[in-house]
């Protein structure tokens, strides 16, 4: 029964995700509001009460999530989001460079190719590739 309710909450959240707008209220608060409404609706229909956390722990081996774990997951998610935003900004600036710099930077840092591999791909000498990388990075720093 509780699995049905949880799935209903997430289904409603998924269907209504387009309506969520950041207005200083965390996304989790929005989810809790949906969950609260679903629980109220569930009890209004005269459904059987849920098991307590203690009962769930005894019967199913359920353990509530530690708040410290949640905080560390939140910090990790925020760090990954910042990395992604930084990546998008850098990618945008790389596109402002001339193609010769875009090619070597993309191959070196996005595709993780070695200087030797880049030289073979672009049919250039390794020294030329190193020079293009150095100049391209300098121009990119100026743009950032």
Protein backbone atom coordinates (compact mmCIF):
# COMPACT_ATOMS: atom_id res chain seq x y z
CA UNK A 1 0.00 0.00 0.00
CA UNK A 2 2.74 2.50 0.93
CA UNK A 3 4.59 1.60 -2.27
CA UNK A 4 1.47 2.55 -4.23
CA UNK A 5 1.30 5.88 -2.44
CA UNK A 6 4.99 6.61 -2.98
CA UNK A 7 4.71 5.76 -6.66
CA UNK A 8 1.63 7.98 -6.93
CA UNK A 9 3.56 10.89 -5.37
CA UNK A 10 6.44 10.52 -7.81
CA UNK A 11 4.09 10.06 -10.76
CA UNK A 12 2.28 13.29 -9.86
CA UNK A 13 5.60 15.06 -9.37
CA UNK A 14 6.86 13.84 -12.73
CA UNK A 15 3.68 14.87 -14.53
CA UNK A 16 3.71 18.28 -12.83
CA UNK A 17 7.45 18.91 -13.10
CA UNK A 18 6.89 21.49 -15.82
CA UNK A 19 4.94 23.58 -13.29
CA UNK A 20 7.76 23.77 -10.75
CA UNK A 21 9.52 27.15 -10.78
CA UNK A 22 12.38 28.13 -8.50
CA UNK A 23 11.10 30.88 -6.22
CA UNK A 24 13.45 30.51 -3.29
CA UNK A 25 11.66 27.36 -2.10
CA UNK A 26 13.64 24.14 -2.39
CA UNK A 27 12.57 21.46 -4.82
CA UNK A 28 12.23 19.03 -1.90
CA UNK A 29 9.59 21.28 -0.31
CA UNK A 30 7.58 21.06 -3.51
CA UNK A 31 7.83 17.25 -3.39
CA UNK A 32 6.80 17.21 0.28
CA UNK A 33 3.74 19.27 -0.56
CA UNK A 34 2.69 16.73 -3.19
CA UNK A 35 3.37 13.87 -0.74
CA UNK A 36 1.38 15.55 2.03
CA UNK A 37 -1.59 16.06 -0.27
CA UNK A 38 -1.45 12.43 -1.41
CA UNK A 39 -1.31 11.14 2.18
CA UNK A 40 -4.31 13.29 3.13
CA UNK A 41 -6.22 12.04 0.12
CA UNK A 42 -5.26 8.48 1.01
CA UNK A 43 -6.66 8.79 4.54
CA UNK A 44 -9.78 10.62 3.37
CA UNK A 45 -10.56 7.56 1.27
CA UNK A 46 -10.56 5.51 4.47
CA UNK A 47 -7.38 3.57 3.76
CA UNK A 48 -5.65 1.54 6.44
CA UNK A 49 -3.02 3.43 8.43
CA UNK A 50 0.63 3.03 7.53
CA UNK A 51 3.18 1.22 9.61
CA UNK A 52 5.25 3.33 11.96
CA UNK A 53 8.97 3.70 11.28
CA UNK A 54 9.66 1.34 14.16
CA UNK A 55 7.29 -1.27 12.72
CA UNK A 56 8.83 -0.86 9.28
CA UNK A 57 12.30 -1.26 10.76
CA UNK A 58 11.28 -4.48 12.51
CA UNK A 59 9.23 -6.02 9.68
CA UNK A 60 11.08 -4.84 6.58
CA UNK A 61 14.53 -3.86 7.79
CA UNK A 62 13.79 -0.22 6.85
CA UNK A 63 16.23 2.34 8.21
CA UNK A 64 15.58 6.09 7.92
CA UNK A 65 18.22 8.08 6.08
CA UNK A 66 20.78 9.79 8.25
CA UNK A 67 20.56 13.62 7.94
CA UNK A 68 24.35 13.81 7.57
CA UNK A 69 24.13 11.48 4.56
CA UNK A 70 21.49 13.71 3.03
CA UNK A 71 23.65 16.80 3.59
CA UNK A 72 26.70 15.18 2.00
CA UNK A 73 24.59 14.05 -0.99
CA UNK A 74 23.25 17.59 -1.33
CA UNK A 75 26.76 19.07 -1.26
CA UNK A 76 27.95 16.55 -3.85
CA UNK A 77 24.99 17.33 -6.11
CA UNK A 78 25.68 21.08 -5.79
CA UNK A 79 29.37 20.50 -6.63
CA UNK A 80 28.45 18.48 -9.73
CA UNK A 81 25.96 21.15 -10.80
CA UNK A 82 28.66 23.83 -10.47
CA UNK A 83 31.08 21.71 -12.50
CA UNK A 84 28.44 21.31 -15.22
CA UNK A 85 27.69 25.05 -15.27
CA UNK A 86 31.44 25.77 -15.51
CA UNK A 87 31.71 23.28 -18.37
CA UNK A 88 28.86 24.96 -20.26
CA UNK A 89 30.44 28.40 -19.78
CA UNK A 90 33.85 27.21 -20.99
CA UNK A 91 32.32 25.39 -23.95
CA UNK A 92 30.49 28.59 -24.90
CA UNK A 93 33.74 30.57 -24.77
CA UNK A 94 35.63 27.91 -26.76
CA UNK A 95 33.11 28.39 -29.56
CA UNK A 96 34.18 32.04 -29.80
CA UNK A 97 37.75 30.99 -30.71
CA UNK A 98 38.84 30.38 -34.28
CA UNK A 99 38.39 26.83 -35.56
CA UNK A 100 42.07 25.93 -35.37
CA UNK A 101 42.03 26.55 -31.60
CA UNK A 102 38.60 24.97 -31.12
CA UNK A 103 39.82 21.75 -32.74
CA UNK A 104 42.93 21.27 -30.61
CA UNK A 105 41.24 22.31 -27.36
CA UNK A 106 38.23 20.07 -27.96
CA UNK A 107 40.40 17.11 -28.85
CA UNK A 108 42.77 17.62 -25.92
CA UNK A 109 40.39 18.51 -23.10
CA UNK A 110 36.97 17.23 -24.13
CA UNK A 111 38.05 14.11 -26.02
CA UNK A 112 41.17 13.58 -23.82
CA UNK A 113 43.47 12.88 -26.76
CA UNK A 114 47.24 13.10 -26.44
CA UNK A 115 49.25 15.67 -28.38
CA UNK A 116 50.53 12.85 -30.57
CA UNK A 117 46.98 11.65 -31.32
CA UNK A 118 45.82 15.20 -32.09
CA UNK A 119 48.75 15.67 -34.46
CA UNK A 120 47.77 12.49 -36.31
CA UNK A 121 44.08 13.45 -36.45
CA UNK A 122 44.73 16.99 -37.72
CA UNK A 123 47.72 16.07 -39.90
CA UNK A 124 49.94 18.56 -38.08
CA UNK A 125 53.28 18.28 -36.31
CA UNK A 126 53.29 17.77 -32.55
CA UNK A 127 55.07 21.08 -32.07
CA UNK A 128 52.35 22.86 -34.04
CA UNK A 129 49.66 21.19 -31.91
CA UNK A 130 51.45 22.26 -28.71
CA UNK A 131 51.71 25.80 -30.01
CA UNK A 132 48.03 25.90 -31.00
CA UNK A 133 47.05 24.55 -27.58
CA UNK A 134 49.16 27.14 -25.78
CA UNK A 135 47.82 30.04 -27.83
CA UNK A 136 44.24 28.75 -27.72
CA UNK A 137 44.31 28.42 -23.94
CA UNK A 138 45.76 31.91 -23.62
CA UNK A 139 42.95 33.31 -25.78
CA UNK A 140 40.41 31.31 -23.80
CA UNK A 141 41.72 32.74 -20.52
CA UNK A 142 41.30 36.23 -21.95
CA UNK A 143 37.65 35.43 -22.75
CA UNK A 144 37.00 34.07 -19.26
